């Protein structure tokens, strides 16, 4: 696990930035989610939108994750789901 963190930080030296698509999947670092599913279908979408609307997009200042078109926001929303 430390190797993954070192890989990310080593790649970001001197202004190099990795696109979100090249970062490791969280499941590979922390494992798959555990527990039961709380919702599916339209109910899951509604919950995801509600949570995403309360999270600020780190790319688009002043925009929520739900409203942002950035790749980072789409990735964050997928992780919420």
PDB file of N, CA and C in Angstrom:
ATOM      1  N   UNK A   1       0.828  -1.182   0.000  1.00  0.00           N
ATOM      2  CA  UNK A   1       0.000   0.000   0.000  1.00  0.00           C
ATOM      3  C   UNK A   1       0.875   1.248   0.000  1.00  0.00           C
ATOM      4  N   UNK A   2       1.943   1.247   0.739  1.00  0.00           N
ATOM      5  CA  UNK A   2       2.845   2.392   0.758  1.00  0.00           C
ATOM      6  C   UNK A   2       3.420   2.645  -0.626  1.00  0.00           C
ATOM      7  N   UNK A   3       3.669   1.567  -1.370  1.00  0.00           N
ATOM      8  CA  UNK A   3       4.199   1.710  -2.720  1.00  0.00           C
ATOM      9  C   UNK A   3       3.271   2.498  -3.629  1.00  0.00           C
ATOM     10  N   UNK A   4       1.961   2.300  -3.459  1.00  0.00           N
ATOM     11  CA  UNK A   4       0.981   3.038  -4.266  1.00  0.00           C
ATOM     12  C   UNK A   4       1.062   4.514  -3.945  1.00  0.00           C
ATOM     13  N   UNK A   5       1.133   4.849  -2.653  1.00  0.00           N
ATOM     14  CA  UNK A   5       1.238   6.252  -2.256  1.00  0.00           C
ATOM     15  C   UNK A   5       2.525   6.877  -2.777  1.00  0.00           C
ATOM     16  N   UNK A   6       3.618   6.157  -2.683  1.00  0.00           N
ATOM     17  CA  UNK A   6       4.890   6.684  -3.168  1.00  0.00           C
ATOM     18  C   UNK A   6       4.854   6.896  -4.671  1.00  0.00           C
ATOM     19  N   UNK A   7       4.188   5.982  -5.398  1.00  0.00           N
ATOM     20  CA  UNK A   7       4.070   6.126  -6.844  1.00  0.00           C
ATOM     21  C   UNK A   7       3.317   7.412  -7.192  1.00  0.00           C
ATOM     22  N   UNK A   8       2.239   7.691  -6.476  1.00  0.00           N
ATOM     23  CA  UNK A   8       1.443   8.888  -6.742  1.00  0.00           C
ATOM     24  C   UNK A   8       2.254  10.141  -6.447  1.00  0.00           C
ATOM     25  N   UNK A   9       2.908  10.182  -5.285  1.00  0.00           N
ATOM     26  CA  UNK A   9       3.664  11.370  -4.903  1.00  0.00           C
ATOM     27  C   UNK A   9       4.915  11.542  -5.758  1.00  0.00           C
ATOM     28  N   UNK A  10       5.562  10.467  -6.142  1.00  0.00           N
ATOM     29  CA  UNK A  10       6.753  10.571  -6.983  1.00  0.00           C
ATOM     30  C   UNK A  10       6.394  11.112  -8.358  1.00  0.00           C
ATOM     31  N   UNK A  11       5.238  10.733  -8.864  1.00  0.00           N
ATOM     32  CA  UNK A  11       4.818  11.202 -10.188  1.00  0.00           C
ATOM     33  C   UNK A  11       4.416  12.665 -10.172  1.00  0.00           C
ATOM     34  N   UNK A  12       4.122  13.202  -8.993  1.00  0.00           N
ATOM     35  CA  UNK A  12       3.653  14.586  -8.938  1.00  0.00           C
ATOM     36  C   UNK A  12       4.758  15.584  -8.587  1.00  0.00           C
ATOM     37  N   UNK A  13       6.015  15.168  -8.625  1.00  0.00           N
ATOM     38  CA  UNK A  13       7.123  16.091  -8.369  1.00  0.00           C
ATOM     39  C   UNK A  13       7.257  17.106  -9.492  1.00  0.00           C
ATOM     40  N   UNK A  14       7.740  18.262  -9.157  1.00  0.00           N
ATOM     41  CA  UNK A  14       8.084  19.320 -10.115  1.00  0.00           C
ATOM     42  C   UNK A  14       6.927  19.691 -11.026  1.00  0.00           C
ATOM     43  N   UNK A  15       5.724  19.711 -10.484  1.00  0.00           N
ATOM     44  CA  UNK A  15       4.581  20.172 -11.254  1.00  0.00           C
ATOM     45  C   UNK A  15       3.934  19.132 -12.141  1.00  0.00           C
ATOM     46  N   UNK A  16       4.460  17.910 -12.183  1.00  0.00           N
ATOM     47  CA  UNK A  16       3.807  16.862 -12.970  1.00  0.00           C
ATOM     48  C   UNK A  16       2.485  16.519 -12.304  1.00  0.00           C
ATOM     49  N   UNK A  17       1.447  16.419 -13.098  1.00  0.00           N
ATOM     50  CA  UNK A  17       0.132  16.106 -12.561  1.00  0.00           C
ATOM     51  C   UNK A  17      -0.411  14.889 -13.286  1.00  0.00           C
ATOM     52  N   UNK A  18      -0.852  13.906 -12.516  1.00  0.00           N
ATOM     53  CA  UNK A  18      -1.466  12.724 -13.105  1.00  0.00           C
ATOM     54  C   UNK A  18      -2.950  12.963 -13.309  1.00  0.00           C
ATOM     55  N   UNK A  19      -3.488  12.595 -14.460  1.00  0.00           N
ATOM     56  CA  UNK A  19      -4.938  12.675 -14.623  1.00  0.00           C
ATOM     57  C   UNK A  19      -5.613  11.675 -13.689  1.00  0.00           C
ATOM     58  N   UNK A  20      -6.823  11.973 -13.313  1.00  0.00           N
ATOM     59  CA  UNK A  20      -7.569  11.096 -12.409  1.00  0.00           C
ATOM     60  C   UNK A  20      -7.651   9.690 -12.986  1.00  0.00           C
ATOM     61  N   UNK A  21      -7.771   9.580 -14.299  1.00  0.00           N
ATOM     62  CA  UNK A  21      -7.906   8.273 -14.936  1.00  0.00           C
ATOM     63  C   UNK A  21      -6.668   7.394 -14.748  1.00  0.00           C
ATOM     64  N   UNK A  22      -5.523   7.983 -14.411  1.00  0.00           N
ATOM     65  CA  UNK A  22      -4.301   7.206 -14.212  1.00  0.00           C
ATOM     66  C   UNK A  22      -4.032   6.875 -12.749  1.00  0.00           C
ATOM     67  N   UNK A  23      -4.838   7.390 -11.848  1.00  0.00           N
ATOM     68  CA  UNK A  23      -4.665   7.081 -10.436  1.00  0.00           C
ATOM     69  C   UNK A  23      -5.217   5.694 -10.143  1.00  0.00           C
ATOM     70  N   UNK A  24      -4.682   5.005  -9.145  1.00  0.00           N
ATOM     71  CA  UNK A  24      -5.186   3.669  -8.829  1.00  0.00           C
ATOM     72  C   UNK A  24      -6.614   3.732  -8.296  1.00  0.00           C
ATOM     73  N   UNK A  25      -7.363   2.692  -8.551  1.00  0.00           N
ATOM     74  CA  UNK A  25      -8.731   2.601  -8.044  1.00  0.00           C
ATOM     75  C   UNK A  25      -8.698   2.475  -6.521  1.00  0.00           C
ATOM     76  N   UNK A  26      -9.567   3.188  -5.829  1.00  0.00           N
ATOM     77  CA  UNK A  26      -9.604   3.102  -4.365  1.00  0.00           C
ATOM     78  C   UNK A  26      -9.801   1.677  -3.856  1.00  0.00           C
ATOM     79  N   UNK A  27     -10.574   0.861  -4.574  1.00  0.00           N
ATOM     80  CA  UNK A  27     -10.816  -0.517  -4.134  1.00  0.00           C
ATOM     81  C   UNK A  27      -9.518  -1.319  -4.069  1.00  0.00           C
ATOM     82  N   UNK A  28      -8.538  -0.964  -4.918  1.00  0.00           N
ATOM     83  CA  UNK A  28      -7.256  -1.660  -4.892  1.00  0.00           C
ATOM     84  C   UNK A  28      -6.440  -1.275  -3.662  1.00  0.00           C
ATOM     85  N   UNK A  29      -6.732  -0.120  -3.085  1.00  0.00           N
ATOM     86  CA  UNK A  29      -5.991   0.349  -1.919  1.00  0.00           C
ATOM     87  C   UNK A  29      -6.692  -0.051  -0.623  1.00  0.00           C
ATOM     88  N   UNK A  30      -7.988   0.202  -0.542  1.00  0.00           N
ATOM     89  CA  UNK A  30      -8.716  -0.038   0.710  1.00  0.00           C
ATOM     90  C   UNK A  30      -9.598  -1.272   0.672  1.00  0.00           C
ATOM     91  N   UNK A  31      -9.719  -1.925  -0.482  1.00  0.00           N
ATOM     92  CA  UNK A  31     -10.560  -3.111  -0.593  1.00  0.00           C
ATOM     93  C   UNK A  31     -11.965  -2.756  -1.049  1.00  0.00           C
ATOM     94  N   UNK A  32     -12.733  -3.786  -1.342  1.00  0.00           N
ATOM     95  CA  UNK A  32     -14.106  -3.592  -1.789  1.00  0.00           C
ATOM     96  C   UNK A  32     -15.000  -3.168  -0.636  1.00  0.00           C
ATOM     97  N   UNK A  33     -16.095  -2.452  -0.960  1.00  0.00           N
ATOM     98  CA  UNK A  33     -17.029  -2.047   0.092  1.00  0.00           C
ATOM     99  C   UNK A  33     -17.616  -3.267   0.794  1.00  0.00           C
ATOM    100  N   UNK A  34     -17.889  -3.101   2.061  1.00  0.00           N
ATOM    101  CA  UNK A  34     -18.493  -4.178   2.840  1.00  0.00           C
ATOM    102  C   UNK A  34     -19.849  -3.723   3.338  1.00  0.00           C
ATOM    103  N   UNK A  35     -20.724  -4.659   3.598  1.00  0.00           N
ATOM    104  CA  UNK A  35     -22.049  -4.327   4.097  1.00  0.00           C
ATOM    105  C   UNK A  35     -23.089  -4.508   3.019  1.00  0.00           C
ATOM    106  N   UNK A  36     -24.311  -4.188   3.372  1.00  0.00           N
ATOM    107  CA  UNK A  36     -25.413  -4.374   2.437  1.00  0.00           C
ATOM    108  C   UNK A  36     -25.640  -3.106   1.620  1.00  0.00           C
ATOM    109  N   UNK A  37     -26.280  -3.272   0.480  1.00  0.00           N
ATOM    110  CA  UNK A  37     -26.628  -2.151  -0.389  1.00  0.00           C
ATOM    111  C   UNK A  37     -27.790  -1.395   0.229  1.00  0.00           C
ATOM    112  N   UNK A  38     -27.684  -0.068   0.288  1.00  0.00           N
ATOM    113  CA  UNK A  38     -28.760   0.711   0.901  1.00  0.00           C
ATOM    114  C   UNK A  38     -29.847   1.076  -0.093  1.00  0.00           C
ATOM    115  N   UNK A  39     -29.517   1.110  -1.383  1.00  0.00           N
ATOM    116  CA  UNK A  39     -30.510   1.482  -2.388  1.00  0.00           C
ATOM    117  C   UNK A  39     -30.034   1.038  -3.766  1.00  0.00           C
ATOM    118  N   UNK A  40     -30.985   0.950  -4.691  1.00  0.00           N
ATOM    119  CA  UNK A  40     -30.674   0.641  -6.090  1.00  0.00           C
ATOM    120  C   UNK A  40     -31.560   1.493  -6.986  1.00  0.00           C
ATOM    121  N   UNK A  41     -31.169   1.606  -8.252  1.00  0.00           N
ATOM    122  CA  UNK A  41     -31.987   2.306  -9.238  1.00  0.00           C
ATOM    123  C   UNK A  41     -32.167   3.783  -8.954  1.00  0.00           C
ATOM    124  N   UNK A  42     -33.392   4.287  -9.159  1.00  0.00           N
ATOM    125  CA  UNK A  42     -33.659   5.717  -8.977  1.00  0.00           C
ATOM    126  C   UNK A  42     -33.397   6.210  -7.547  1.00  0.00           C
ATOM    127  N   UNK A  43     -33.634   5.346  -6.578  1.00  0.00           N
ATOM    128  CA  UNK A  43     -33.385   5.741  -5.184  1.00  0.00           C
ATOM    129  C   UNK A  43     -31.887   5.975  -4.956  1.00  0.00           C
ATOM    130  N   UNK A  44     -31.050   5.114  -5.525  1.00  0.00           N
ATOM    131  CA  UNK A  44     -29.597   5.285  -5.414  1.00  0.00           C
ATOM    132  C   UNK A  44     -29.157   6.579  -6.094  1.00  0.00           C
ATOM    133  N   UNK A  45     -29.714   6.869  -7.268  1.00  0.00           N
ATOM    134  CA  UNK A  45     -29.378   8.109  -7.973  1.00  0.00           C
ATOM    135  C   UNK A  45     -29.753   9.335  -7.147  1.00  0.00           C
ATOM    136  N   UNK A  46     -30.918   9.293  -6.499  1.00  0.00           N
ATOM    137  CA  UNK A  46     -31.362  10.424  -5.677  1.00  0.00           C
ATOM    138  C   UNK A  46     -30.428  10.637  -4.490  1.00  0.00           C
ATOM    139  N   UNK A  47     -30.015   9.554  -3.848  1.00  0.00           N
ATOM    140  CA  UNK A  47     -29.098   9.653  -2.708  1.00  0.00           C
ATOM    141  C   UNK A  47     -27.744  10.187  -3.175  1.00  0.00           C
ATOM    142  N   UNK A  48     -27.256   9.675  -4.314  1.00  0.00           N
ATOM    143  CA  UNK A  48     -25.977  10.129  -4.863  1.00  0.00           C
ATOM    144  C   UNK A  48     -26.013  11.614  -5.190  1.00  0.00           C
ATOM    145  N   UNK A  49     -27.100  12.079  -5.796  1.00  0.00           N
ATOM    146  CA  UNK A  49     -27.247  13.504  -6.114  1.00  0.00           C
ATOM    147  C   UNK A  49     -27.277  14.347  -4.844  1.00  0.00           C
ATOM    148  N   UNK A  50     -27.986  13.861  -3.819  1.00  0.00           N
ATOM    149  CA  UNK A  50     -28.083  14.616  -2.564  1.00  0.00           C
ATOM    150  C   UNK A  50     -26.713  14.760  -1.905  1.00  0.00           C
ATOM    151  N   UNK A  51     -25.954  13.671  -1.859  1.00  0.00           N
ATOM    152  CA  UNK A  51     -24.618  13.726  -1.256  1.00  0.00           C
ATOM    153  C   UNK A  51     -23.692  14.579  -2.123  1.00  0.00           C
ATOM    154  N   UNK A  52     -23.731  14.387  -3.444  1.00  0.00           N
ATOM    155  CA  UNK A  52     -22.882  15.148  -4.361  1.00  0.00           C
ATOM    156  C   UNK A  52     -23.161  16.638  -4.339  1.00  0.00           C
ATOM    157  N   UNK A  53     -24.405  17.005  -4.060  1.00  0.00           N
ATOM    158  CA  UNK A  53     -24.740  18.435  -4.018  1.00  0.00           C
ATOM    159  C   UNK A  53     -24.166  19.124  -2.781  1.00  0.00           C
ATOM    160  N   UNK A  54     -23.763  18.336  -1.788  1.00  0.00           N
ATOM    161  CA  UNK A  54     -23.177  18.895  -0.561  1.00  0.00           C
ATOM    162  C   UNK A  54     -21.652  18.887  -0.580  1.00  0.00           C
ATOM    163  N   UNK A  55     -21.074  18.272  -1.598  1.00  0.00           N
ATOM    164  CA  UNK A  55     -19.616  18.204  -1.722  1.00  0.00           C
ATOM    165  C   UNK A  55     -19.148  19.252  -2.719  1.00  0.00           C
ATOM    166  N   UNK A  56     -18.114  19.987  -2.372  1.00  0.00           N
ATOM    167  CA  UNK A  56     -17.560  21.010  -3.273  1.00  0.00           C
ATOM    168  C   UNK A  56     -16.579  20.371  -4.245  1.00  0.00           C
ATOM    169  N   UNK A  57     -16.686  20.749  -5.494  1.00  0.00           N
ATOM    170  CA  UNK A  57     -15.759  20.260  -6.509  1.00  0.00           C
ATOM    171  C   UNK A  57     -14.392  20.913  -6.281  1.00  0.00           C
ATOM    172  N   UNK A  58     -13.318  20.119  -6.234  1.00  0.00           N
ATOM    173  CA  UNK A  58     -11.991  20.702  -6.029  1.00  0.00           C
ATOM    174  C   UNK A  58     -11.456  21.423  -7.270  1.00  0.00           C
ATOM    175  N   UNK A  59     -12.085  21.230  -8.416  1.00  0.00           N
ATOM    176  CA  UNK A  59     -11.635  21.858  -9.655  1.00  0.00           C
ATOM    177  C   UNK A  59     -12.420  23.135  -9.939  1.00  0.00           C
ATOM    178  N   UNK A  60     -13.734  23.042  -9.887  1.00  0.00           N
ATOM    179  CA  UNK A  60     -14.623  24.180 -10.202  1.00  0.00           C
ATOM    180  C   UNK A  60     -14.994  24.887  -8.903  1.00  0.00           C
ATOM    181  N   UNK A  61     -14.346  25.968  -8.610  1.00  0.00           N
ATOM    182  CA  UNK A  61     -14.610  26.677  -7.360  1.00  0.00           C
ATOM    183  C   UNK A  61     -16.052  27.155  -7.321  1.00  0.00           C
ATOM    184  N   UNK A  62     -16.714  26.884  -6.217  1.00  0.00           N
ATOM    185  CA  UNK A  62     -18.086  27.326  -6.026  1.00  0.00           C
ATOM    186  C   UNK A  62     -19.124  26.396  -6.617  1.00  0.00           C
ATOM    187  N   UNK A  63     -18.718  25.282  -7.175  1.00  0.00           N
ATOM    188  CA  UNK A  63     -19.651  24.335  -7.777  1.00  0.00           C
ATOM    189  C   UNK A  63     -19.664  23.041  -6.978  1.00  0.00           C
ATOM    190  N   UNK A  64     -20.813  22.397  -6.928  1.00  0.00           N
ATOM    191  CA  UNK A  64     -20.903  21.119  -6.227  1.00  0.00           C
ATOM    192  C   UNK A  64     -20.410  20.001  -7.143  1.00  0.00           C
ATOM    193  N   UNK A  65     -20.140  18.853  -6.564  1.00  0.00           N
ATOM    194  CA  UNK A  65     -19.728  17.688  -7.339  1.00  0.00           C
ATOM    195  C   UNK A  65     -20.844  17.291  -8.304  1.00  0.00           C
ATOM    196  N   UNK A  66     -22.088  17.393  -7.866  1.00  0.00           N
ATOM    197  CA  UNK A  66     -23.220  17.035  -8.733  1.00  0.00           C
ATOM    198  C   UNK A  66     -23.341  17.954  -9.940  1.00  0.00           C
ATOM    199  N   UNK A  67     -23.015  19.226  -9.782  1.00  0.00           N
ATOM    200  CA  UNK A  67     -23.183  20.201 -10.861  1.00  0.00           C
ATOM    201  C   UNK A  67     -21.949  20.354 -11.744  1.00  0.00           C
ATOM    202  N   UNK A  68     -20.810  19.876 -11.300  1.00  0.00           N
ATOM    203  CA  UNK A  68     -19.559  20.091 -12.028  1.00  0.00           C
ATOM    204  C   UNK A  68     -19.394  19.112 -13.187  1.00  0.00           C
ATOM    205  N   UNK A  69     -18.888  19.588 -14.330  1.00  0.00           N
ATOM    206  CA  UNK A  69     -18.614  18.702 -15.462  1.00  0.00           C
ATOM    207  C   UNK A  69     -17.191  18.121 -15.446  1.00  0.00           C
ATOM    208  N   UNK A  70     -16.387  18.452 -14.434  1.00  0.00           N
ATOM    209  CA  UNK A  70     -14.982  18.024 -14.435  1.00  0.00           C
ATOM    210  C   UNK A  70     -14.849  16.518 -14.225  1.00  0.00           C
ATOM    211  N   UNK A  71     -13.739  15.978 -14.718  1.00  0.00           N
ATOM    212  CA  UNK A  71     -13.456  14.555 -14.562  1.00  0.00           C
ATOM    213  C   UNK A  71     -13.306  14.198 -13.084  1.00  0.00           C
ATOM    214  N   UNK A  72     -12.684  15.073 -12.315  1.00  0.00           N
ATOM    215  CA  UNK A  72     -12.509  14.846 -10.883  1.00  0.00           C
ATOM    216  C   UNK A  72     -13.868  14.712 -10.196  1.00  0.00           C
ATOM    217  N   UNK A  73     -14.803  15.590 -10.534  1.00  0.00           N
ATOM    218  CA  UNK A  73     -16.132  15.548  -9.924  1.00  0.00           C
ATOM    219  C   UNK A  73     -16.874  14.276 -10.315  1.00  0.00           C
ATOM    220  N   UNK A  74     -16.753  13.875 -11.582  1.00  0.00           N
ATOM    221  CA  UNK A  74     -17.410  12.627 -12.008  1.00  0.00           C
ATOM    222  C   UNK A  74     -16.839  11.437 -11.253  1.00  0.00           C
ATOM    223  N   UNK A  75     -15.532  11.432 -11.036  1.00  0.00           N
ATOM    224  CA  UNK A  75     -14.899  10.353 -10.287  1.00  0.00           C
ATOM    225  C   UNK A  75     -15.371  10.355  -8.832  1.00  0.00           C
ATOM    226  N   UNK A  76     -15.436  11.532  -8.223  1.00  0.00           N
ATOM    227  CA  UNK A  76     -15.896  11.626  -6.833  1.00  0.00           C
ATOM    228  C   UNK A  76     -17.339  11.144  -6.710  1.00  0.00           C
ATOM    229  N   UNK A  77     -18.180  11.521  -7.668  1.00  0.00           N
ATOM    230  CA  UNK A  77     -19.580  11.104  -7.649  1.00  0.00           C
ATOM    231  C   UNK A  77     -19.686   9.583  -7.797  1.00  0.00           C
ATOM    232  N   UNK A  78     -18.850   8.999  -8.646  1.00  0.00           N
ATOM    233  CA  UNK A  78     -18.840   7.541  -8.809  1.00  0.00           C
ATOM    234  C   UNK A  78     -18.416   6.854  -7.519  1.00  0.00           C
ATOM    235  N   UNK A  79     -17.485   7.463  -6.777  1.00  0.00           N
ATOM    236  CA  UNK A  79     -17.053   6.882  -5.507  1.00  0.00           C
ATOM    237  C   UNK A  79     -18.148   6.974  -4.454  1.00  0.00           C
ATOM    238  N   UNK A  80     -18.937   8.038  -4.495  1.00  0.00           N
ATOM    239  CA  UNK A  80     -20.066   8.169  -3.567  1.00  0.00           C
ATOM    240  C   UNK A  80     -21.062   7.055  -3.833  1.00  0.00           C
ATOM    241  N   UNK A  81     -21.300   6.809  -5.108  1.00  0.00           N
ATOM    242  CA  UNK A  81     -22.268   5.783  -5.504  1.00  0.00           C
ATOM    243  C   UNK A  81     -21.793   4.425  -5.061  1.00  0.00           C
TER     244      UNK A  81
END
